[in-house]
């Protein structure tokens, strides 16, 4: 096995396998969209100096995929099938070439600075010359697309964030932890805070109110109360609620909307939290960091039951 690094991409090769690893400053949901949305694939999933046309992209097990790379009059057709699709987590594709099956495995994992992507390409023969450099260039294009879309969101005034995590517990169990006041008080406060849930009515139209209290000198002045209303509750599938802070500070004012999605995956629950309307006093990246911390607490709580 040989290892090297090209720019920010780690590369390992064996006689028949090429593996690349890179971390992107974006949520797994955002990176997943880049891998599965046809319009976005045409922007980054193509070697330098070429353009791409997605002719089929059925992102489901057994679905067809067909992407043509174009360089003037030269066309390279990439045609295959989705073998495995685990939303926000894993894609496996297979393509029949003259020498046999060419298989590519894409894995998305939570990293300390965003989403870690691992691409493993299994060849029916030796790894071709230039394959590693070509993939590194393609992943660099993906990084540029994600950076550009992040900048566009900031410039247009979008104040939202998305956090995601796979939790090794059934969706129904994870859903319960969002609506049980005692459990919510245990996992929702991020590091440095404790929480008290004053009341919680787990029904559509029901309200809730809670207080975070800073437990360390660093966070002592950041305690606050907040509350809201549940607008949609679908057991084991979806929670939508509004939320606002109890404050006279205009930079903290305004109503947020939080959407929580629970998807059953082989390892348990694919959990996605999207928070929109984040107040000016809180950056979306700080909100994402807080939610990521909270979801880590949630995983520890519910996975203990399994």
Protein backbone atom coordinates (compact mmCIF):
# COMPACT_ATOMS: atom_id res chain seq x y z
CA UNK A 1 0.00 0.00 0.00
CA UNK A 2 1.23 3.50 -0.79
CA UNK A 3 0.07 6.78 0.78
CA UNK A 4 0.39 10.40 -0.26
CA UNK A 5 -1.32 13.77 0.02
CA UNK A 6 -2.40 16.00 -2.87
CA UNK A 7 -3.38 19.46 -1.57
CA UNK A 8 -5.97 18.62 1.10
CA UNK A 9 -6.78 15.12 -0.16
CA UNK A 10 -5.29 12.04 1.45
CA UNK A 11 -4.64 9.19 -1.00
CA UNK A 12 -3.92 5.50 -0.46
CA UNK A 13 -3.47 2.90 -3.17
CA UNK A 14 -3.10 -0.86 -3.39
CA UNK A 15 -2.66 -2.90 -6.56
CA UNK A 16 -6.38 -2.67 -7.42
CA UNK A 17 -7.86 -0.08 -5.03
CA UNK A 18 -7.68 3.71 -4.80
CA UNK A 19 -8.91 5.46 -1.64
CA UNK A 20 -9.19 9.23 -1.20
CA UNK A 21 -10.16 11.15 1.93
CA UNK A 22 -11.02 14.82 2.28
CA UNK A 23 -12.92 16.91 4.84
CA UNK A 24 -15.31 19.59 3.57
CA UNK A 25 -16.53 22.60 5.57
CA UNK A 26 -20.21 21.76 5.06
CA UNK A 27 -22.91 19.61 6.62
CA UNK A 28 -23.49 16.05 5.52
CA UNK A 29 -26.86 17.08 4.12
CA UNK A 30 -25.18 19.74 1.96
CA UNK A 31 -22.46 17.38 0.75
CA UNK A 32 -25.03 14.67 0.05
CA UNK A 33 -26.94 17.08 -2.18
CA UNK A 34 -23.76 17.75 -4.17
CA UNK A 35 -23.33 14.01 -4.74
CA UNK A 36 -26.95 13.33 -5.71
CA UNK A 37 -28.29 16.48 -7.41
CA UNK A 38 -27.84 16.27 -11.19
CA UNK A 39 -27.28 20.01 -11.68
CA UNK A 40 -24.58 20.09 -9.01
CA UNK A 41 -22.89 16.93 -10.29
CA UNK A 42 -22.44 18.61 -13.67
CA UNK A 43 -20.56 21.44 -11.95
CA UNK A 44 -17.94 19.40 -10.09
CA UNK A 45 -17.98 15.70 -11.02
CA UNK A 46 -15.83 16.13 -14.14
CA UNK A 47 -12.06 16.27 -14.87
CA UNK A 48 -10.37 19.62 -15.48
CA UNK A 49 -10.88 20.98 -18.98
CA UNK A 50 -14.06 19.00 -19.62
CA UNK A 51 -17.78 19.56 -19.16
CA UNK A 52 -20.33 17.04 -17.91
CA UNK A 53 -23.85 16.04 -18.89
CA UNK A 54 -25.93 13.94 -16.51
CA UNK A 55 -28.27 11.81 -18.61
CA UNK A 56 -29.62 9.55 -15.87
CA UNK A 57 -29.43 9.82 -12.10
CA UNK A 58 -31.91 7.58 -10.26
CA UNK A 59 -30.55 7.76 -6.71
CA UNK A 60 -32.00 4.53 -5.36
CA UNK A 61 -30.83 0.95 -5.07
CA UNK A 62 -30.90 -0.47 -8.60
CA UNK A 63 -31.30 2.97 -10.17
CA UNK A 64 -29.40 3.97 -13.30
CA UNK A 65 -26.63 6.55 -13.43
CA UNK A 66 -25.18 7.95 -16.65
CA UNK A 67 -22.75 10.86 -16.88
CA UNK A 68 -20.92 11.90 -20.04
CA UNK A 69 -17.67 13.87 -19.89
CA UNK A 70 -17.19 16.07 -22.93
CA UNK A 71 -14.01 17.59 -24.37
CA UNK A 72 -14.78 19.04 -27.77
CA UNK A 73 -15.64 16.09 -29.98
CA UNK A 74 -14.37 13.55 -27.44
CA UNK A 75 -16.95 11.93 -25.16
CA UNK A 76 -16.37 9.62 -22.20
CA UNK A 77 -19.50 7.79 -21.05
CA UNK A 78 -19.79 6.70 -17.42
CA UNK A 79 -22.78 4.38 -17.15
CA UNK A 80 -23.67 2.20 -14.21
CA UNK A 81 -26.07 1.40 -11.41
CA UNK A 82 -26.59 2.49 -7.83
CA UNK A 83 -25.94 -0.65 -5.78
CA UNK A 84 -26.48 0.86 -2.32
CA UNK A 85 -27.98 4.16 -1.18
CA UNK A 86 -27.99 5.17 2.52
CA UNK A 87 -29.14 8.79 2.71
CA UNK A 88 -26.53 11.24 4.05
CA UNK A 89 -24.15 8.35 4.70
CA UNK A 90 -23.18 6.03 1.84
CA UNK A 91 -23.40 5.56 -1.93
CA UNK A 92 -22.12 2.56 -3.88
CA UNK A 93 -22.10 2.47 -7.68
CA UNK A 94 -21.06 -0.20 -10.14
CA UNK A 95 -20.07 0.13 -13.79
CA UNK A 96 -19.28 -2.65 -16.25
CA UNK A 97 -16.14 -1.98 -18.30
CA UNK A 98 -14.19 -4.25 -20.64
CA UNK A 99 -12.02 -5.67 -17.85
CA UNK A 100 -14.92 -6.28 -15.42
CA UNK A 101 -16.83 -4.30 -12.79
CA UNK A 102 -15.58 -0.90 -11.65
CA UNK A 103 -17.07 -0.14 -8.24
CA UNK A 104 -17.00 3.18 -6.36
CA UNK A 105 -17.92 3.58 -2.68
CA UNK A 106 -18.67 7.05 -1.28
CA UNK A 107 -18.85 7.40 2.51
CA UNK A 108 -19.89 10.58 4.37
CA UNK A 109 -18.93 10.91 8.02
CA UNK A 110 -19.17 13.63 10.66
CA UNK A 111 -15.80 15.28 11.17
CA UNK A 112 -14.51 17.87 13.62
CA UNK A 113 -14.46 20.54 10.92
CA UNK A 114 -17.35 19.46 8.71
CA UNK A 115 -18.00 16.33 6.65
CA UNK A 116 -15.33 13.73 5.97
CA UNK A 117 -15.74 12.11 2.56
CA UNK A 118 -13.99 8.84 1.76
CA UNK A 119 -14.03 7.68 -1.88
CA UNK A 120 -12.91 4.11 -2.56
CA UNK A 121 -12.60 3.00 -6.18
CA UNK A 122 -12.18 -0.74 -6.75
CA UNK A 123 -10.74 -1.63 -10.17
CA UNK A 124 -11.00 -5.02 -11.90
CA UNK A 125 -7.29 -4.69 -12.63
CA UNK A 126 -4.42 -2.37 -11.75
CA UNK A 127 -5.12 1.21 -10.69
CA UNK A 128 -4.64 3.33 -13.86
CA UNK A 129 -1.95 5.97 -13.99
CA UNK A 130 -3.34 9.42 -13.23
CA UNK A 131 -6.45 8.12 -11.42
CA UNK A 132 -5.40 9.59 -8.06
CA UNK A 133 -4.57 12.99 -9.51
CA UNK A 134 -7.83 13.03 -11.45
CA UNK A 135 -9.91 12.28 -8.36
CA UNK A 136 -7.99 14.85 -6.28
CA UNK A 137 -8.81 17.47 -8.92
CA UNK A 138 -12.48 16.49 -8.92
CA UNK A 139 -12.68 16.74 -5.12
CA UNK A 140 -11.03 20.15 -5.30
CA UNK A 141 -13.85 21.23 -7.63
CA UNK A 142 -16.37 19.91 -5.09
CA UNK A 143 -14.72 21.99 -2.36
CA UNK A 144 -15.02 25.06 -4.56
CA UNK A 145 -18.71 24.42 -5.19
CA UNK A 146 -19.45 23.98 -1.49
CA UNK A 147 -17.47 27.11 -0.58
CA UNK A 148 -19.28 29.11 -3.25
CA UNK A 149 -22.73 28.00 -2.09
CA UNK A 150 -21.82 28.83 1.51
CA UNK A 151 -20.77 32.35 0.46
CA UNK A 152 -23.97 32.77 -1.57
CA UNK A 153 -26.06 31.90 1.49
CA UNK A 154 -24.29 34.53 3.58
CA UNK A 155 -24.56 37.22 0.92
CA UNK A 156 -28.28 36.67 0.44
CA UNK A 157 -28.90 37.01 4.16
CA UNK A 158 -29.83 33.38 4.75
CA UNK A 159 -29.39 32.65 8.44
CA UNK A 160 -29.84 28.95 8.76
CA UNK A 161 -27.85 25.85 9.56
CA UNK A 162 -28.18 22.10 9.16
CA UNK A 163 -26.70 19.49 11.49
CA UNK A 164 -26.89 15.75 10.97
CA UNK A 165 -25.79 12.58 12.74
CA UNK A 166 -26.40 8.87 12.60
CA UNK A 167 -27.58 7.60 16.00
CA UNK A 168 -27.52 3.91 16.85
CA UNK A 169 -31.10 3.70 18.08
CA UNK A 170 -34.49 3.29 16.35
CA UNK A 171 -36.23 6.45 15.02
CA UNK A 172 -39.07 6.00 17.52
CA UNK A 173 -36.64 6.06 20.44
CA UNK A 174 -34.80 9.14 19.18
CA UNK A 175 -38.15 10.88 18.52
CA UNK A 176 -39.24 10.23 22.12
CA UNK A 177 -36.11 11.92 23.47
CA UNK A 178 -37.15 15.17 21.75
CA UNK A 179 -40.52 15.25 23.50
CA UNK A 180 -39.76 13.88 26.97
CA UNK A 181 -39.03 16.95 29.16
CA UNK A 182 -36.67 15.09 31.51
CA UNK A 183 -34.62 13.63 28.65
CA UNK A 184 -34.66 16.90 26.70
CA UNK A 185 -33.14 18.67 29.71
CA UNK A 186 -30.34 16.08 29.78
CA UNK A 187 -29.20 16.21 26.16
CA UNK A 188 -30.23 19.54 24.64
CA UNK A 189 -27.84 21.90 26.51
CA UNK A 190 -24.42 22.05 24.82
CA UNK A 191 -21.18 21.79 26.77
CA UNK A 192 -20.96 24.41 29.54
CA UNK A 193 -24.74 24.68 30.06
CA UNK A 194 -27.49 22.98 32.01
CA UNK A 195 -31.18 23.12 31.15
CA UNK A 196 -34.55 23.22 32.84
CA UNK A 197 -37.68 22.42 30.84
CA UNK A 198 -40.48 24.38 32.50
CA UNK A 199 -43.28 22.86 30.46
CA UNK A 200 -43.71 20.83 27.28
CA UNK A 201 -46.97 19.91 25.54
CA UNK A 202 -46.14 17.15 22.98
CA UNK A 203 -48.98 17.81 20.55
CA UNK A 204 -49.48 19.90 17.43
CA UNK A 205 -50.29 23.40 18.67
CA UNK A 206 -48.72 22.61 22.03
CA UNK A 207 -46.10 24.90 23.52
CA UNK A 208 -42.83 24.46 25.38
CA UNK A 209 -40.55 26.68 27.48
CA UNK A 210 -37.02 26.05 28.76
CA UNK A 211 -34.00 27.83 30.23
CA UNK A 212 -30.31 27.30 29.58
CA UNK A 213 -27.97 28.28 32.43
CA UNK A 214 -24.24 28.73 32.01
CA UNK A 215 -22.39 26.35 34.32
CA UNK A 216 -18.88 27.65 33.76
CA UNK A 217 -17.26 31.06 34.08
CA UNK A 218 -16.90 31.19 30.29
CA UNK A 219 -20.65 30.82 29.70
CA UNK A 220 -22.06 32.39 32.88
CA UNK A 221 -23.43 35.46 31.06
CA UNK A 222 -24.95 33.51 28.17
CA UNK A 223 -27.87 31.87 29.96
CA UNK A 224 -31.30 32.49 28.44
CA UNK A 225 -34.91 31.34 28.35
CA UNK A 226 -36.74 30.40 25.18
CA UNK A 227 -39.96 28.80 24.06
CA UNK A 228 -42.13 28.02 21.09
CA UNK A 229 -44.92 25.99 19.53
CA UNK A 230 -45.05 22.57 17.87
CA UNK A 231 -46.57 22.89 14.40
CA UNK A 232 -46.01 19.34 13.15
CA UNK A 233 -45.44 16.05 14.96
CA UNK A 234 -45.18 12.79 13.02
CA UNK A 235 -43.99 10.04 15.39
CA UNK A 236 -40.65 8.58 14.37
CA UNK A 237 -40.48 10.74 11.24
CA UNK A 238 -40.68 14.50 11.68
CA UNK A 239 -40.91 17.36 14.20
CA UNK A 240 -41.40 21.00 13.24
CA UNK A 241 -41.58 23.81 15.77
CA UNK A 242 -41.08 27.53 16.14
CA UNK A 243 -38.75 28.97 18.74
CA UNK A 244 -37.80 32.42 20.05
CA UNK A 245 -35.69 33.85 22.85
CA UNK A 246 -37.17 35.79 25.76
CA UNK A 247 -35.09 38.96 25.44
CA UNK A 248 -35.19 42.72 24.93
CA UNK A 249 -32.05 42.57 22.81
CA UNK A 250 -33.11 43.24 19.19
CA UNK A 251 -30.13 41.25 17.89
CA UNK A 252 -31.58 38.17 19.60
CA UNK A 253 -35.19 38.82 18.58
CA UNK A 254 -37.18 36.97 15.94
CA UNK A 255 -38.83 33.62 15.44
CA UNK A 256 -36.84 30.60 14.34
CA UNK A 257 -38.19 27.46 12.71
CA UNK A 258 -36.64 24.10 13.53
CA UNK A 259 -37.28 21.00 11.40
CA UNK A 260 -36.13 17.61 12.67
CA UNK A 261 -36.15 14.60 10.34
CA UNK A 262 -35.76 10.99 11.47
CA UNK A 263 -34.76 8.48 8.77
CA UNK A 264 -34.34 4.77 9.42
CA UNK A 265 -30.89 3.61 8.27
CA UNK A 266 -29.05 0.29 8.75
CA UNK A 267 -27.18 1.59 11.82
CA UNK A 268 -30.23 3.16 13.47
CA UNK A 269 -31.48 6.69 12.75
CA UNK A 270 -30.24 9.28 10.30
CA UNK A 271 -31.10 12.48 12.16
CA UNK A 272 -31.15 15.89 10.44
CA UNK A 273 -31.87 19.19 12.19
CA UNK A 274 -32.41 22.38 10.18
CA UNK A 275 -32.73 25.71 12.01
CA UNK A 276 -33.90 28.77 10.06
CA UNK A 277 -34.19 32.41 11.05
CA UNK A 278 -31.16 32.42 13.38
CA UNK A 279 -30.90 35.84 15.14
CA UNK A 280 -28.16 38.29 14.19
CA UNK A 281 -26.38 37.86 17.52
CA UNK A 282 -25.71 34.17 16.80
CA UNK A 283 -23.73 33.05 13.77
CA UNK A 284 -25.05 30.00 11.86
CA UNK A 285 -21.69 28.30 12.43
CA UNK A 286 -22.03 28.76 16.21
CA UNK A 287 -25.58 27.40 16.04
CA UNK A 288 -24.30 24.42 14.09
CA UNK A 289 -21.57 23.83 16.66
CA UNK A 290 -24.13 23.95 19.47
CA UNK A 291 -26.48 21.52 17.75
CA UNK A 292 -23.61 19.18 16.90
CA UNK A 293 -22.68 19.16 20.59
CA UNK A 294 -26.29 18.52 21.60
CA UNK A 295 -26.71 15.66 19.12
CA UNK A 296 -23.59 14.07 20.58
CA UNK A 297 -25.26 14.22 24.01
CA UNK A 298 -28.45 12.75 22.51
CA UNK A 299 -26.52 9.85 21.01
CA UNK A 300 -24.92 9.05 24.37
CA UNK A 301 -28.33 9.11 26.08
CA UNK A 302 -30.34 6.92 23.72
CA UNK A 303 -27.54 4.55 22.68
CA UNK A 304 -27.14 3.54 26.34
CA UNK A 305 -30.56 1.90 26.07
CA UNK A 306 -29.54 -0.36 23.18
